[in-house]
N, C-alpha and C. Protein backbone atom coordinates (compact mmCIF):
# COMPACT_ATOMS: atom_id res chain seq x y z
N MET A 1 299.01 -57.54 188.13
CA MET A 1 300.28 -57.26 188.48
C MET A 1 301.42 -56.68 186.81
N SER A 2 301.76 -56.02 187.14
CA SER A 2 302.41 -55.67 185.60
C SER A 2 303.73 -56.09 185.56
N GLY A 3 304.33 -56.85 184.46
CA GLY A 3 305.52 -57.02 184.16
C GLY A 3 306.66 -55.89 184.34
N PRO A 4 308.05 -56.14 184.20
CA PRO A 4 309.11 -55.66 184.11
C PRO A 4 309.08 -54.63 183.21
N SER A 5 309.49 -53.15 183.19
CA SER A 5 309.70 -52.41 182.21
C SER A 5 310.48 -53.17 180.83
N SER A 6 310.02 -53.04 179.78
CA SER A 6 310.90 -53.42 178.59
C SER A 6 312.10 -52.43 177.92
N GLU A 7 312.02 -50.96 178.53
CA GLU A 7 312.58 -50.17 178.32
C GLU A 7 313.79 -50.33 178.79
N LEU A 8 315.00 -50.22 177.68
CA LEU A 8 316.77 -49.98 178.01
C LEU A 8 316.71 -49.02 178.68
N PRO A 9 318.10 -49.09 179.78
CA PRO A 9 318.15 -47.62 180.52
C PRO A 9 319.07 -46.89 179.64
N LEU A 10 318.80 -45.45 179.46
CA LEU A 10 319.56 -44.59 178.58
C LEU A 10 321.14 -44.69 179.08
N PRO A 11 321.92 -44.88 177.46
CA PRO A 11 323.17 -44.97 178.00
C PRO A 11 324.03 -43.43 178.75
N LEU A 12 324.91 -43.68 179.26
CA LEU A 12 325.93 -42.30 179.75
C LEU A 12 326.43 -41.40 179.11
N THR A 13 326.02 -40.59 178.92
CA THR A 13 326.55 -39.22 178.30
C THR A 13 327.94 -38.57 178.79
N HIS A 14 328.78 -38.98 178.35
CA HIS A 14 330.30 -37.99 178.83
C HIS A 14 330.65 -36.65 178.29
N VAL A 15 330.57 -35.41 178.89
CA VAL A 15 330.67 -34.68 178.19
C VAL A 15 332.26 -33.96 178.86
N PHE A 16 332.91 -33.49 178.07
CA PHE A 16 334.19 -32.80 178.48
C PHE A 16 334.19 -31.41 178.20
N VAL A 17 334.21 -30.57 179.24
CA VAL A 17 334.45 -29.22 178.85
C VAL A 17 335.89 -28.61 178.82
N ASP A 18 336.40 -27.79 177.76
CA ASP A 18 337.56 -27.52 177.64
C ASP A 18 337.34 -25.89 178.29
N PHE A 19 337.33 -25.78 179.43
CA PHE A 19 337.26 -24.44 180.16
C PHE A 19 338.34 -22.99 180.26
N GLU A 20 339.33 -23.93 178.92
CA GLU A 20 340.04 -22.41 178.24
C GLU A 20 339.45 -21.11 177.44
N ASN A 21 338.21 -22.06 176.76
CA ASN A 21 337.72 -21.16 175.83
C ASN A 21 336.22 -21.30 175.87
N VAL A 22 335.69 -22.21 176.82
CA VAL A 22 334.35 -22.00 177.16
C VAL A 22 333.92 -21.99 178.48
N HIS A 23 333.90 -20.80 179.07
CA HIS A 23 333.66 -20.47 180.05
C HIS A 23 331.94 -20.45 180.64
N GLN A 24 330.72 -20.65 179.60
CA GLN A 24 329.59 -20.48 180.18
C GLN A 24 329.23 -22.22 180.22
N ILE A 25 328.28 -22.56 181.29
CA ILE A 25 328.54 -23.99 181.73
C ILE A 25 326.88 -24.03 181.93
N ASP A 26 326.25 -25.03 181.65
CA ASP A 26 324.87 -24.77 181.55
C ASP A 26 324.70 -26.57 181.71
N PHE A 27 324.50 -26.82 183.23
CA PHE A 27 324.06 -28.23 183.68
C PHE A 27 322.70 -28.74 183.41
N SER A 28 321.69 -27.56 183.08
CA SER A 28 320.77 -27.86 183.10
C SER A 28 320.29 -28.59 181.68
N VAL A 29 321.28 -28.73 180.30
CA VAL A 29 320.93 -29.59 179.63
C VAL A 29 320.80 -31.03 179.65
N MET A 30 321.16 -31.61 181.02
CA MET A 30 321.09 -33.03 181.42
C MET A 30 319.59 -33.66 181.09
N GLY A 31 319.10 -32.48 181.76
CA GLY A 31 317.53 -33.13 181.78
C GLY A 31 317.54 -34.14 182.93
N SER A 32 316.73 -35.40 182.37
CA SER A 32 316.86 -36.62 183.59
C SER A 32 317.71 -37.48 182.90
N ASN A 33 318.76 -37.29 181.91
CA ASN A 33 319.76 -38.35 181.35
C ASN A 33 320.84 -38.60 182.54
N PRO A 34 321.37 -39.84 182.28
CA PRO A 34 322.63 -39.94 183.04
C PRO A 34 323.70 -39.34 182.44
N VAL A 35 324.49 -38.44 182.89
CA VAL A 35 325.68 -37.57 182.49
C VAL A 35 326.71 -37.28 183.38
N HIS A 36 327.83 -37.32 182.74
CA HIS A 36 329.08 -37.02 183.37
C HIS A 36 329.89 -36.33 182.90
N PHE A 37 330.25 -35.10 183.32
CA PHE A 37 331.27 -33.84 183.19
C PHE A 37 332.62 -33.97 183.27
N THR A 38 333.36 -33.78 182.82
CA THR A 38 334.68 -33.73 183.11
C THR A 38 335.26 -32.18 182.85
N LEU A 39 335.46 -31.32 183.89
CA LEU A 39 335.79 -30.13 183.27
C LEU A 39 337.30 -30.07 183.60
N LEU A 40 337.88 -29.40 182.41
CA LEU A 40 339.55 -29.14 182.17
C LEU A 40 339.87 -28.16 182.56
N VAL A 41 340.40 -27.51 183.59
CA VAL A 41 341.00 -26.13 183.49
C VAL A 41 342.17 -25.99 183.90
N GLY A 42 342.58 -24.68 183.02
CA GLY A 42 343.96 -25.12 182.53
C GLY A 42 344.97 -24.10 183.83
N ALA A 43 346.20 -24.44 183.80
CA ALA A 43 347.08 -24.00 184.93
C ALA A 43 347.27 -22.74 184.82
N LYS A 44 346.74 -21.85 184.02
CA LYS A 44 346.89 -20.34 183.68
C LYS A 44 345.25 -19.74 184.37
N GLN A 45 344.43 -20.78 184.49
CA GLN A 45 343.06 -20.37 185.26
C GLN A 45 343.07 -20.35 186.42
N PRO A 46 343.70 -19.70 187.68
CA PRO A 46 343.83 -19.94 188.79
C PRO A 46 342.27 -19.51 189.82
N ARG A 47 341.58 -19.06 189.03
CA ARG A 47 340.11 -18.37 189.75
C ARG A 47 338.77 -18.81 188.75
N MET A 48 337.75 -19.30 189.79
CA MET A 48 336.49 -19.54 188.89
C MET A 48 335.38 -18.72 189.54
N ASP A 49 334.48 -18.21 188.50
CA ASP A 49 333.32 -17.34 189.23
C ASP A 49 332.59 -17.98 190.34
N VAL A 50 332.26 -17.31 191.32
CA VAL A 50 331.62 -18.04 192.49
C VAL A 50 330.24 -18.83 192.13
N ALA A 51 329.18 -18.05 191.16
CA ALA A 51 328.46 -18.85 190.15
C ALA A 51 328.73 -20.29 189.84
N LEU A 52 329.60 -20.22 189.34
CA LEU A 52 330.18 -21.62 188.58
C LEU A 52 330.12 -22.52 189.40
N VAL A 53 331.16 -22.05 190.99
CA VAL A 53 331.65 -22.75 191.84
C VAL A 53 330.32 -23.37 192.45
N GLU A 54 329.29 -22.71 192.97
CA GLU A 54 328.09 -22.89 193.56
C GLU A 54 327.47 -24.27 192.10
N GLN A 55 327.48 -23.96 191.33
CA GLN A 55 326.89 -25.14 190.33
C GLN A 55 327.45 -26.39 190.41
N LEU A 56 328.99 -26.30 190.66
CA LEU A 56 329.81 -27.17 190.64
C LEU A 56 329.47 -28.34 191.76
N LEU A 57 329.29 -27.45 192.70
CA LEU A 57 328.82 -28.46 194.08
C LEU A 57 327.39 -29.12 194.36
N GLU A 58 326.52 -28.26 193.40
CA GLU A 58 325.34 -28.30 193.57
C GLU A 58 325.20 -29.77 192.62
N ASN A 59 326.23 -30.11 191.42
CA ASN A 59 325.86 -30.92 190.68
C ASN A 59 327.67 -32.05 191.11
N ALA A 60 327.81 -32.03 192.45
CA ALA A 60 328.93 -32.52 192.51
C ALA A 60 329.40 -34.16 192.01
N ASP A 61 328.09 -34.92 192.43
CA ASP A 61 328.21 -36.27 191.92
C ASP A 61 328.14 -36.59 190.40
N VAL A 62 327.91 -35.43 189.69
CA VAL A 62 328.41 -35.92 188.39
C VAL A 62 329.54 -34.91 187.73
N VAL A 63 330.27 -34.51 188.25
CA VAL A 63 331.12 -33.49 187.78
C VAL A 63 332.71 -33.94 188.38
N GLU A 64 333.34 -34.10 187.50
CA GLU A 64 335.19 -34.16 187.81
C GLU A 64 335.63 -33.19 187.33
N LEU A 65 336.24 -32.46 188.24
CA LEU A 65 337.31 -31.11 187.82
C LEU A 65 338.70 -31.63 187.57
N VAL A 66 339.21 -31.18 186.42
CA VAL A 66 340.74 -31.79 186.47
C VAL A 66 341.08 -30.43 186.22
N ARG A 67 342.07 -30.05 187.02
CA ARG A 67 342.91 -29.01 187.34
C ARG A 67 344.46 -29.36 186.43
N LEU A 68 344.85 -28.86 185.58
CA LEU A 68 346.22 -29.12 185.16
C LEU A 68 347.23 -28.22 186.23
N THR A 69 348.60 -28.64 186.16
CA THR A 69 349.26 -27.74 187.24
C THR A 69 350.59 -27.59 186.39
N SER A 70 350.68 -27.82 184.76
CA SER A 70 351.48 -27.37 184.30
C SER A 70 350.89 -26.62 182.80
N SER A 71 351.59 -25.80 182.45
CA SER A 71 351.09 -25.16 181.25
C SER A 71 352.04 -25.68 179.96
N GLY A 72 351.65 -25.21 178.80
CA GLY A 72 352.34 -25.27 177.69
C GLY A 72 351.20 -25.47 176.32
N LYS A 73 351.81 -25.49 175.33
CA LYS A 73 351.12 -25.64 174.21
C LYS A 73 350.19 -27.07 174.01
N ASP A 74 349.14 -26.69 173.89
CA ASP A 74 348.05 -27.49 173.65
C ASP A 74 348.02 -28.71 175.26
N ALA A 75 348.65 -28.52 175.97
CA ALA A 75 348.37 -29.27 177.12
C ALA A 75 347.15 -29.72 177.64
N LEU A 76 346.28 -28.72 177.62
CA LEU A 76 344.81 -29.00 178.13
C LEU A 76 344.10 -29.68 177.07
N ASP A 77 344.62 -29.50 175.33
CA ASP A 77 344.02 -30.67 174.43
C ASP A 77 344.17 -32.15 174.71
N PHE A 78 345.67 -32.26 175.06
CA PHE A 78 346.25 -33.54 175.44
C PHE A 78 345.74 -34.29 176.45
N ALA A 79 345.14 -33.49 177.57
CA ALA A 79 345.00 -34.08 178.98
C ALA A 79 343.20 -34.48 178.40
N LEU A 80 342.62 -33.81 177.85
CA LEU A 80 341.32 -33.93 177.26
C LEU A 80 340.87 -35.28 176.63
N ALA A 81 341.83 -35.18 175.79
CA ALA A 81 342.05 -36.34 174.77
C ALA A 81 342.39 -37.72 175.57
N TYR A 82 342.92 -37.30 176.47
CA TYR A 82 343.21 -38.73 177.54
C TYR A 82 342.18 -39.25 178.25
N TYR A 83 341.65 -37.93 178.84
CA TYR A 83 340.22 -38.68 179.68
C TYR A 83 339.09 -39.08 178.85
N LEU A 84 339.12 -38.90 177.68
CA LEU A 84 338.14 -39.07 176.75
C LEU A 84 338.19 -40.30 176.30
N GLY A 85 339.54 -40.61 175.98
CA GLY A 85 339.58 -42.43 175.65
C GLY A 85 339.61 -42.89 176.32
N ARG A 86 340.40 -42.49 177.85
CA ARG A 86 339.72 -43.63 178.89
C ARG A 86 338.64 -43.80 179.13
N ALA A 87 337.74 -43.12 179.32
CA ALA A 87 336.27 -43.20 179.20
C ALA A 87 335.52 -43.98 178.22
N ALA A 88 335.84 -43.78 176.56
CA ALA A 88 335.28 -44.65 175.70
C ALA A 88 335.94 -46.01 175.77
N VAL A 89 337.14 -46.31 176.48
CA VAL A 89 337.60 -47.80 177.11
C VAL A 89 336.51 -48.19 177.43
N GLY A 90 335.94 -47.64 178.96
CA GLY A 90 335.60 -48.15 179.95
C GLY A 90 334.14 -48.03 179.68
N ASP A 91 333.49 -47.48 178.79
CA ASP A 91 331.99 -47.35 178.48
C ASP A 91 331.89 -47.19 177.01
N PRO A 92 332.31 -48.50 176.38
CA PRO A 92 332.19 -47.75 174.75
C PRO A 92 330.71 -48.06 173.93
N THR A 93 329.75 -48.11 175.15
CA THR A 93 328.26 -47.67 174.60
C THR A 93 327.67 -46.41 174.85
N GLY A 94 328.77 -45.56 175.42
CA GLY A 94 328.17 -44.15 175.71
C GLY A 94 328.33 -43.35 174.68
N TYR A 95 327.73 -42.20 174.94
CA TYR A 95 327.92 -40.85 174.05
C TYR A 95 328.97 -40.36 174.51
N PHE A 96 330.08 -39.41 173.79
CA PHE A 96 330.76 -38.70 174.19
C PHE A 96 331.25 -36.94 173.73
N TYR A 97 330.88 -36.12 173.83
CA TYR A 97 330.63 -34.80 173.87
C TYR A 97 331.90 -33.84 174.51
N ILE A 98 332.74 -33.28 173.21
CA ILE A 98 333.56 -32.07 173.75
C ILE A 98 332.79 -30.94 173.25
N VAL A 99 333.02 -30.06 174.20
CA VAL A 99 332.24 -28.62 174.36
C VAL A 99 333.99 -27.88 174.43
N SER A 100 333.77 -27.28 173.33
CA SER A 100 335.23 -26.51 172.89
C SER A 100 335.16 -25.86 171.41
N LYS A 101 335.59 -24.65 171.76
CA LYS A 101 335.33 -23.77 170.27
C LYS A 101 336.66 -24.33 169.50
N ASP A 102 337.70 -24.97 169.80
CA ASP A 102 338.96 -25.23 169.17
C ASP A 102 338.48 -26.75 168.30
N LYS A 103 338.97 -26.22 167.16
CA LYS A 103 338.29 -27.18 165.95
C LYS A 103 339.49 -28.27 166.01
N GLY A 104 340.40 -27.72 166.40
CA GLY A 104 341.48 -28.66 166.40
C GLY A 104 341.23 -30.28 167.05
N PHE A 105 339.93 -30.13 167.32
CA PHE A 105 339.85 -31.38 168.08
C PHE A 105 338.66 -32.40 167.11
N ASP A 106 338.62 -31.94 165.88
CA ASP A 106 337.74 -32.33 164.99
C ASP A 106 338.37 -33.82 164.38
N PRO A 107 339.33 -33.31 163.92
CA PRO A 107 340.39 -35.01 163.77
C PRO A 107 340.10 -35.80 164.66
N LEU A 108 340.03 -35.48 166.02
CA LEU A 108 340.17 -36.42 167.06
C LEU A 108 338.68 -36.93 166.72
N ILE A 109 337.96 -36.32 166.59
CA ILE A 109 336.33 -36.81 166.64
C ILE A 109 336.02 -37.80 165.20
N GLU A 110 336.71 -37.39 164.19
CA GLU A 110 336.57 -38.37 163.47
C GLU A 110 337.10 -39.28 163.20
N HIS A 111 338.24 -39.57 163.81
CA HIS A 111 338.93 -40.86 164.25
C HIS A 111 338.31 -41.72 165.12
N LEU A 112 337.50 -41.12 166.12
CA LEU A 112 336.80 -41.68 167.12
C LEU A 112 335.42 -42.30 166.25
N ARG A 113 334.98 -41.33 165.45
CA ARG A 113 333.64 -42.08 164.97
C ARG A 113 333.78 -43.11 163.89
N SER A 114 335.21 -43.08 163.23
CA SER A 114 335.43 -44.15 162.59
C SER A 114 336.01 -45.28 162.92
N ARG A 115 335.75 -45.11 164.30
CA ARG A 115 336.25 -46.50 165.30
C ARG A 115 334.61 -46.99 166.13
N ARG A 116 333.66 -46.37 165.27
CA ARG A 116 332.48 -46.63 166.22
C ARG A 116 332.11 -46.23 167.68
N ILE A 117 332.92 -45.12 167.32
CA ILE A 117 332.47 -44.19 169.35
C ILE A 117 331.92 -42.98 168.54
N ARG A 118 330.77 -43.05 169.19
CA ARG A 118 329.89 -42.09 169.08
C ARG A 118 330.10 -40.48 169.88
N ALA A 119 331.01 -40.11 169.18
CA ALA A 119 331.76 -38.86 169.64
C ALA A 119 331.13 -37.61 168.68
N HIS A 120 331.17 -36.54 169.70
CA HIS A 120 331.08 -34.97 168.72
C HIS A 120 331.68 -33.73 169.12
N ARG A 121 331.41 -32.80 168.55
CA ARG A 121 331.74 -31.66 169.54
C ARG A 121 331.20 -30.55 169.10
N HIS A 122 331.03 -29.41 170.16
CA HIS A 122 330.32 -28.95 169.96
C HIS A 122 330.97 -27.08 170.51
N ASP A 123 330.47 -25.89 169.81
CA ASP A 123 331.05 -24.63 170.60
C ASP A 123 330.82 -24.10 171.54
N ASP A 124 329.34 -24.65 172.16
CA ASP A 124 329.07 -24.32 173.31
C ASP A 124 328.03 -25.45 173.78
N PHE A 125 327.29 -25.15 174.72
CA PHE A 125 326.13 -25.99 175.85
C PHE A 125 325.11 -25.72 174.62
N SER A 126 324.70 -24.55 174.17
CA SER A 126 323.12 -24.44 173.49
C SER A 126 323.06 -25.32 172.29
N ALA A 127 324.10 -26.01 171.88
CA ALA A 127 324.47 -27.01 170.50
C ALA A 127 324.34 -28.18 171.07
N LEU A 128 323.96 -28.52 172.24
CA LEU A 128 324.18 -30.13 172.68
C LEU A 128 322.88 -30.17 172.38
N THR A 129 322.91 -32.06 171.83
CA THR A 129 321.32 -32.28 171.13
C THR A 129 320.45 -33.31 172.05
N PHE A 130 320.85 -33.27 173.47
CA PHE A 130 319.90 -34.26 174.64
C PHE A 130 319.41 -33.13 175.42
N SER A 131 318.96 -32.14 175.06
CA SER A 131 318.27 -31.26 176.14
C SER A 131 317.09 -32.15 176.88
N ALA A 132 316.21 -32.60 175.79
CA ALA A 132 314.89 -32.99 176.46
C ALA A 132 315.01 -33.97 177.46
N PRO A 133 314.36 -33.81 178.40
CA PRO A 133 314.31 -34.78 179.71
C PRO A 133 314.02 -36.18 178.95
N GLY A 134 315.03 -37.31 179.29
CA GLY A 134 314.68 -38.71 179.03
C GLY A 134 315.28 -38.97 177.42
N LYS A 135 315.32 -37.88 176.93
CA LYS A 135 315.73 -38.31 175.52
C LYS A 135 317.73 -38.36 175.04
N ALA A 136 318.06 -39.63 175.06
CA ALA A 136 319.43 -39.53 174.32
C ALA A 136 319.87 -38.79 173.02
N PRO A 137 321.43 -38.49 173.15
CA PRO A 137 321.38 -37.71 172.10
C PRO A 137 321.72 -38.37 170.87
N SER A 138 321.37 -37.75 170.05
CA SER A 138 320.54 -38.44 168.58
C SER A 138 322.20 -38.32 167.83
N THR A 139 321.85 -39.60 167.05
CA THR A 139 323.07 -40.13 166.20
C THR A 139 322.65 -39.92 165.11
N LEU A 140 323.56 -39.98 163.55
CA LEU A 140 323.58 -39.38 162.50
C LEU A 140 322.04 -40.38 161.93
N PRO A 141 321.35 -39.32 161.68
CA PRO A 141 320.04 -40.02 161.09
C PRO A 141 320.24 -40.59 159.19
N GLY A 142 319.41 -41.91 159.23
CA GLY A 142 319.78 -42.19 157.68
C GLY A 142 319.63 -41.06 156.77
N GLU A 143 318.41 -40.45 156.69
CA GLU A 143 318.08 -39.37 155.80
C GLU A 143 319.11 -38.52 155.37
N PRO A 144 320.26 -37.74 156.09
CA PRO A 144 321.12 -37.01 155.51
C PRO A 144 322.17 -38.26 154.43
N LEU A 145 322.29 -39.56 154.92
CA LEU A 145 323.45 -40.12 154.40
C LEU A 145 322.59 -40.43 152.81
N GLU A 146 321.35 -40.40 153.00
CA GLU A 146 320.84 -41.04 151.67
C GLU A 146 320.63 -39.74 150.90
N ARG A 147 320.14 -38.58 151.25
CA ARG A 147 320.13 -37.26 150.47
C ARG A 147 321.55 -37.07 150.00
N ALA A 148 322.67 -37.33 150.55
CA ALA A 148 324.17 -36.99 150.12
C ALA A 148 324.43 -37.82 149.23
N LEU A 149 323.86 -39.30 149.05
CA LEU A 149 324.51 -40.48 148.04
C LEU A 149 323.75 -39.94 146.79
N GLU A 150 322.32 -39.62 147.03
CA GLU A 150 321.47 -39.29 145.88
C GLU A 150 321.89 -38.10 144.80
N HIS A 151 322.48 -37.17 146.09
CA HIS A 151 323.38 -35.75 145.21
C HIS A 151 324.42 -36.21 144.58
N LEU A 152 325.21 -37.11 145.13
CA LEU A 152 326.60 -37.40 144.33
C LEU A 152 326.18 -38.16 143.07
N ARG A 153 325.24 -39.12 143.39
CA ARG A 153 324.99 -39.80 142.05
C ARG A 153 324.31 -39.01 140.98
N ARG A 154 323.74 -38.00 141.31
CA ARG A 154 323.02 -37.26 140.36
C ARG A 154 323.81 -36.30 139.58
N ASN A 155 324.90 -36.14 140.42
CA ASN A 155 326.01 -34.89 139.91
C ASN A 155 327.26 -35.66 139.87
N PRO A 156 327.35 -36.41 139.15
CA PRO A 156 328.75 -36.96 139.00
C PRO A 156 330.21 -36.05 138.45
N ASN A 157 329.83 -35.00 137.75
CA ASN A 157 330.71 -34.36 137.17
C ASN A 157 330.68 -33.28 137.89
N ASN A 158 329.84 -33.04 139.43
CA ASN A 158 330.40 -31.87 140.04
C ASN A 158 330.47 -32.38 141.54
N ARG A 159 331.45 -33.65 141.48
CA ARG A 159 332.07 -34.29 143.04
C ARG A 159 333.11 -33.30 143.81
N PRO A 160 333.25 -32.80 144.73
CA PRO A 160 334.36 -32.30 145.09
C PRO A 160 335.37 -33.05 145.05
N LYS A 161 336.57 -33.03 144.58
CA LYS A 161 337.75 -33.49 144.50
C LYS A 161 338.97 -33.68 145.43
N ARG A 162 338.72 -32.69 146.57
CA ARG A 162 339.56 -32.34 147.92
C ARG A 162 338.52 -32.74 148.88
N LYS A 163 338.79 -33.03 150.41
CA LYS A 163 338.05 -33.29 151.43
C LYS A 163 338.06 -31.60 151.93
N LYS A 164 338.90 -31.07 151.64
CA LYS A 164 338.44 -29.46 152.17
C LYS A 164 336.86 -29.19 151.37
N THR A 165 337.18 -29.47 149.95
CA THR A 165 335.62 -28.54 149.38
C THR A 165 334.32 -29.50 149.94
N LEU A 166 335.14 -30.67 149.71
CA LEU A 166 333.69 -31.86 150.17
C LEU A 166 333.26 -31.60 151.47
N ILE A 167 333.90 -31.12 152.36
CA ILE A 167 333.20 -30.59 153.50
C ILE A 167 332.38 -29.66 153.29
N SER A 168 332.66 -28.76 152.58
CA SER A 168 331.92 -27.31 152.38
C SER A 168 330.78 -27.68 151.68
N HIS A 169 330.77 -28.75 150.98
CA HIS A 169 329.66 -29.08 149.96
C HIS A 169 329.03 -29.83 151.01
N LEU A 170 329.22 -30.62 151.74
CA LEU A 170 327.95 -31.21 152.53
C LEU A 170 327.36 -30.70 153.44
N ARG A 171 328.23 -29.78 153.70
CA ARG A 171 327.67 -28.54 154.72
C ARG A 171 326.47 -27.62 154.08
N SER A 172 326.95 -27.24 153.16
CA SER A 172 325.82 -26.66 151.90
C SER A 172 324.65 -27.92 151.95
N LEU A 173 324.82 -29.05 151.72
CA LEU A 173 323.88 -29.81 151.46
C LEU A 173 322.74 -30.28 152.25
N LEU A 174 323.65 -30.30 153.85
CA LEU A 174 322.87 -30.14 155.31
C LEU A 174 322.11 -29.24 155.53
N GLY A 175 322.53 -28.03 155.06
CA GLY A 175 321.82 -26.90 155.46
C GLY A 175 322.28 -25.89 156.53
N LYS A 176 321.76 -24.73 157.04
CA LYS A 176 322.25 -23.85 158.01
C LYS A 176 322.57 -24.47 159.03
N THR A 177 321.68 -25.15 159.60
CA THR A 177 321.44 -25.69 160.97
C THR A 177 322.75 -26.67 161.43
N ALA A 178 323.46 -27.26 160.57
CA ALA A 178 324.19 -28.36 160.81
C ALA A 178 325.74 -28.17 161.22
N SER A 179 326.48 -28.68 162.11
CA SER A 179 327.38 -28.11 162.56
C SER A 179 328.40 -29.05 161.69
N GLU A 180 329.81 -28.75 161.96
CA GLU A 180 330.96 -29.14 161.65
C GLU A 180 330.91 -30.64 162.16
N THR A 181 330.44 -30.94 163.03
CA THR A 181 330.63 -32.38 163.52
C THR A 181 329.49 -33.08 162.92
N ASP A 182 328.52 -32.46 162.35
CA ASP A 182 327.36 -32.97 161.98
C ASP A 182 327.80 -33.80 160.43
N VAL A 183 328.65 -32.60 159.70
CA VAL A 183 329.40 -32.87 158.51
C VAL A 183 330.26 -33.68 158.73
N LEU A 184 331.20 -34.02 159.89
CA LEU A 184 332.21 -35.22 159.80
C LEU A 184 331.63 -36.36 160.13
N ASP A 185 330.46 -36.53 160.58
CA ASP A 185 330.00 -37.65 160.94
C ASP A 185 329.42 -38.29 159.80
N LEU A 186 328.75 -37.18 158.72
CA LEU A 186 328.27 -37.56 157.39
C LEU A 186 329.33 -38.37 156.48
N MET A 187 330.77 -37.64 156.79
CA MET A 187 331.81 -38.05 155.91
C MET A 187 332.13 -39.45 156.35
N VAL A 188 332.17 -39.53 157.67
CA VAL A 188 332.49 -41.02 158.47
C VAL A 188 331.79 -42.15 157.81
N GLU A 189 330.13 -41.84 157.89
CA GLU A 189 329.51 -42.98 157.53
C GLU A 189 329.45 -43.22 155.70
N LEU A 190 329.96 -42.25 155.07
CA LEU A 190 330.20 -42.38 153.85
C LEU A 190 331.53 -43.08 153.55
N LYS A 191 332.30 -43.29 154.48
CA LYS A 191 333.47 -43.67 154.20
C LYS A 191 333.43 -45.56 154.65
N LYS A 192 332.75 -45.28 155.45
CA LYS A 192 332.15 -46.71 156.59
C LYS A 192 331.24 -47.57 155.30
N GLY A 193 330.86 -46.97 154.79
CA GLY A 193 329.54 -47.35 153.63
C GLY A 193 330.20 -48.01 152.02
N GLY A 194 332.02 -47.40 152.08
CA GLY A 194 332.48 -47.67 150.94
C GLY A 194 332.17 -46.77 149.59
N HIS A 195 331.71 -45.84 150.29
CA HIS A 195 331.14 -44.68 149.36
C HIS A 195 332.42 -43.83 148.91
N LEU A 196 333.01 -43.78 149.56
CA LEU A 196 334.15 -42.39 149.22
C LEU A 196 335.71 -43.23 150.01
N ILE A 197 336.95 -42.69 149.50
CA ILE A 197 338.07 -43.27 149.93
C ILE A 197 338.74 -42.03 149.73
N LEU A 198 339.38 -41.71 151.17
CA LEU A 198 340.36 -40.07 150.89
C LEU A 198 341.50 -40.83 150.64
N GLU A 199 342.65 -40.41 149.72
CA GLU A 199 343.82 -41.10 149.14
C GLU A 199 345.01 -39.84 149.80
N GLU A 200 345.87 -39.89 149.31
CA GLU A 200 347.26 -38.69 149.51
C GLU A 200 346.72 -37.64 149.28
N LYS A 201 346.99 -36.78 150.00
CA LYS A 201 347.04 -35.05 149.86
C LYS A 201 345.49 -35.09 149.94
N ASP A 202 344.70 -35.94 150.38
CA ASP A 202 343.24 -35.44 150.95
C ASP A 202 342.46 -35.45 149.46
N ARG A 203 342.97 -36.41 148.65
CA ARG A 203 342.28 -35.92 147.61
C ARG A 203 341.29 -37.46 147.72
N VAL A 204 339.73 -37.14 147.25
CA VAL A 204 338.65 -37.97 147.12
C VAL A 204 338.49 -38.86 146.04
N THR A 205 338.05 -40.18 145.92
CA THR A 205 337.47 -40.96 145.42
C THR A 205 336.26 -41.55 145.40
N TYR A 206 335.36 -41.44 144.93
CA TYR A 206 333.92 -41.79 145.15
C TYR A 206 333.55 -43.48 144.42
N ARG A 207 332.77 -43.92 145.03
CA ARG A 207 332.28 -45.26 144.57
C ARG A 207 330.68 -45.37 145.03
N VAL A 208 329.80 -44.56 144.49
CA VAL A 208 328.44 -44.44 144.54
C VAL A 208 327.55 -44.91 143.71
């Protein structure tokens, strides 16, 4: 008689969709992973495609539809931040993904990552990293961090002096396949390790 499985259950993945600028939704990305979708619809979006409605009905047990009744500047963004924050408090071990082309969410992602919340933003569903059945979303591996540290140590006279330049520098180091979220994740890891400090006017100080 075999004993109980030693495998831990996969953490819940929370996906927040900014439907104001992402209209293609792919529920197949979940595979066999436990996923909860929160679809936020703006007040000025009164109609949905029939095919999408059919998808929502087929996945009703894992989808929460939030329709804003008032419009205003960044109204949906603030609502999405609220629902994400509420989910993070209720499930601190979960993974949190924003699907939106709006880069204005990136400072929020960086802040959440600094609080050890596993948050990411992707422009569309094709960029999500947990499509394989039974595979949890990946966090930033150690290898990029080690590569970045080695590069900074070898080039003390060529270290970016400003945050904006550092972001471009790290993106080049990680390669063409790296997303902006990957770069922000790497910056958070460097800050956590005490390897860089962001000072006034986004000036960067290194301790590598």
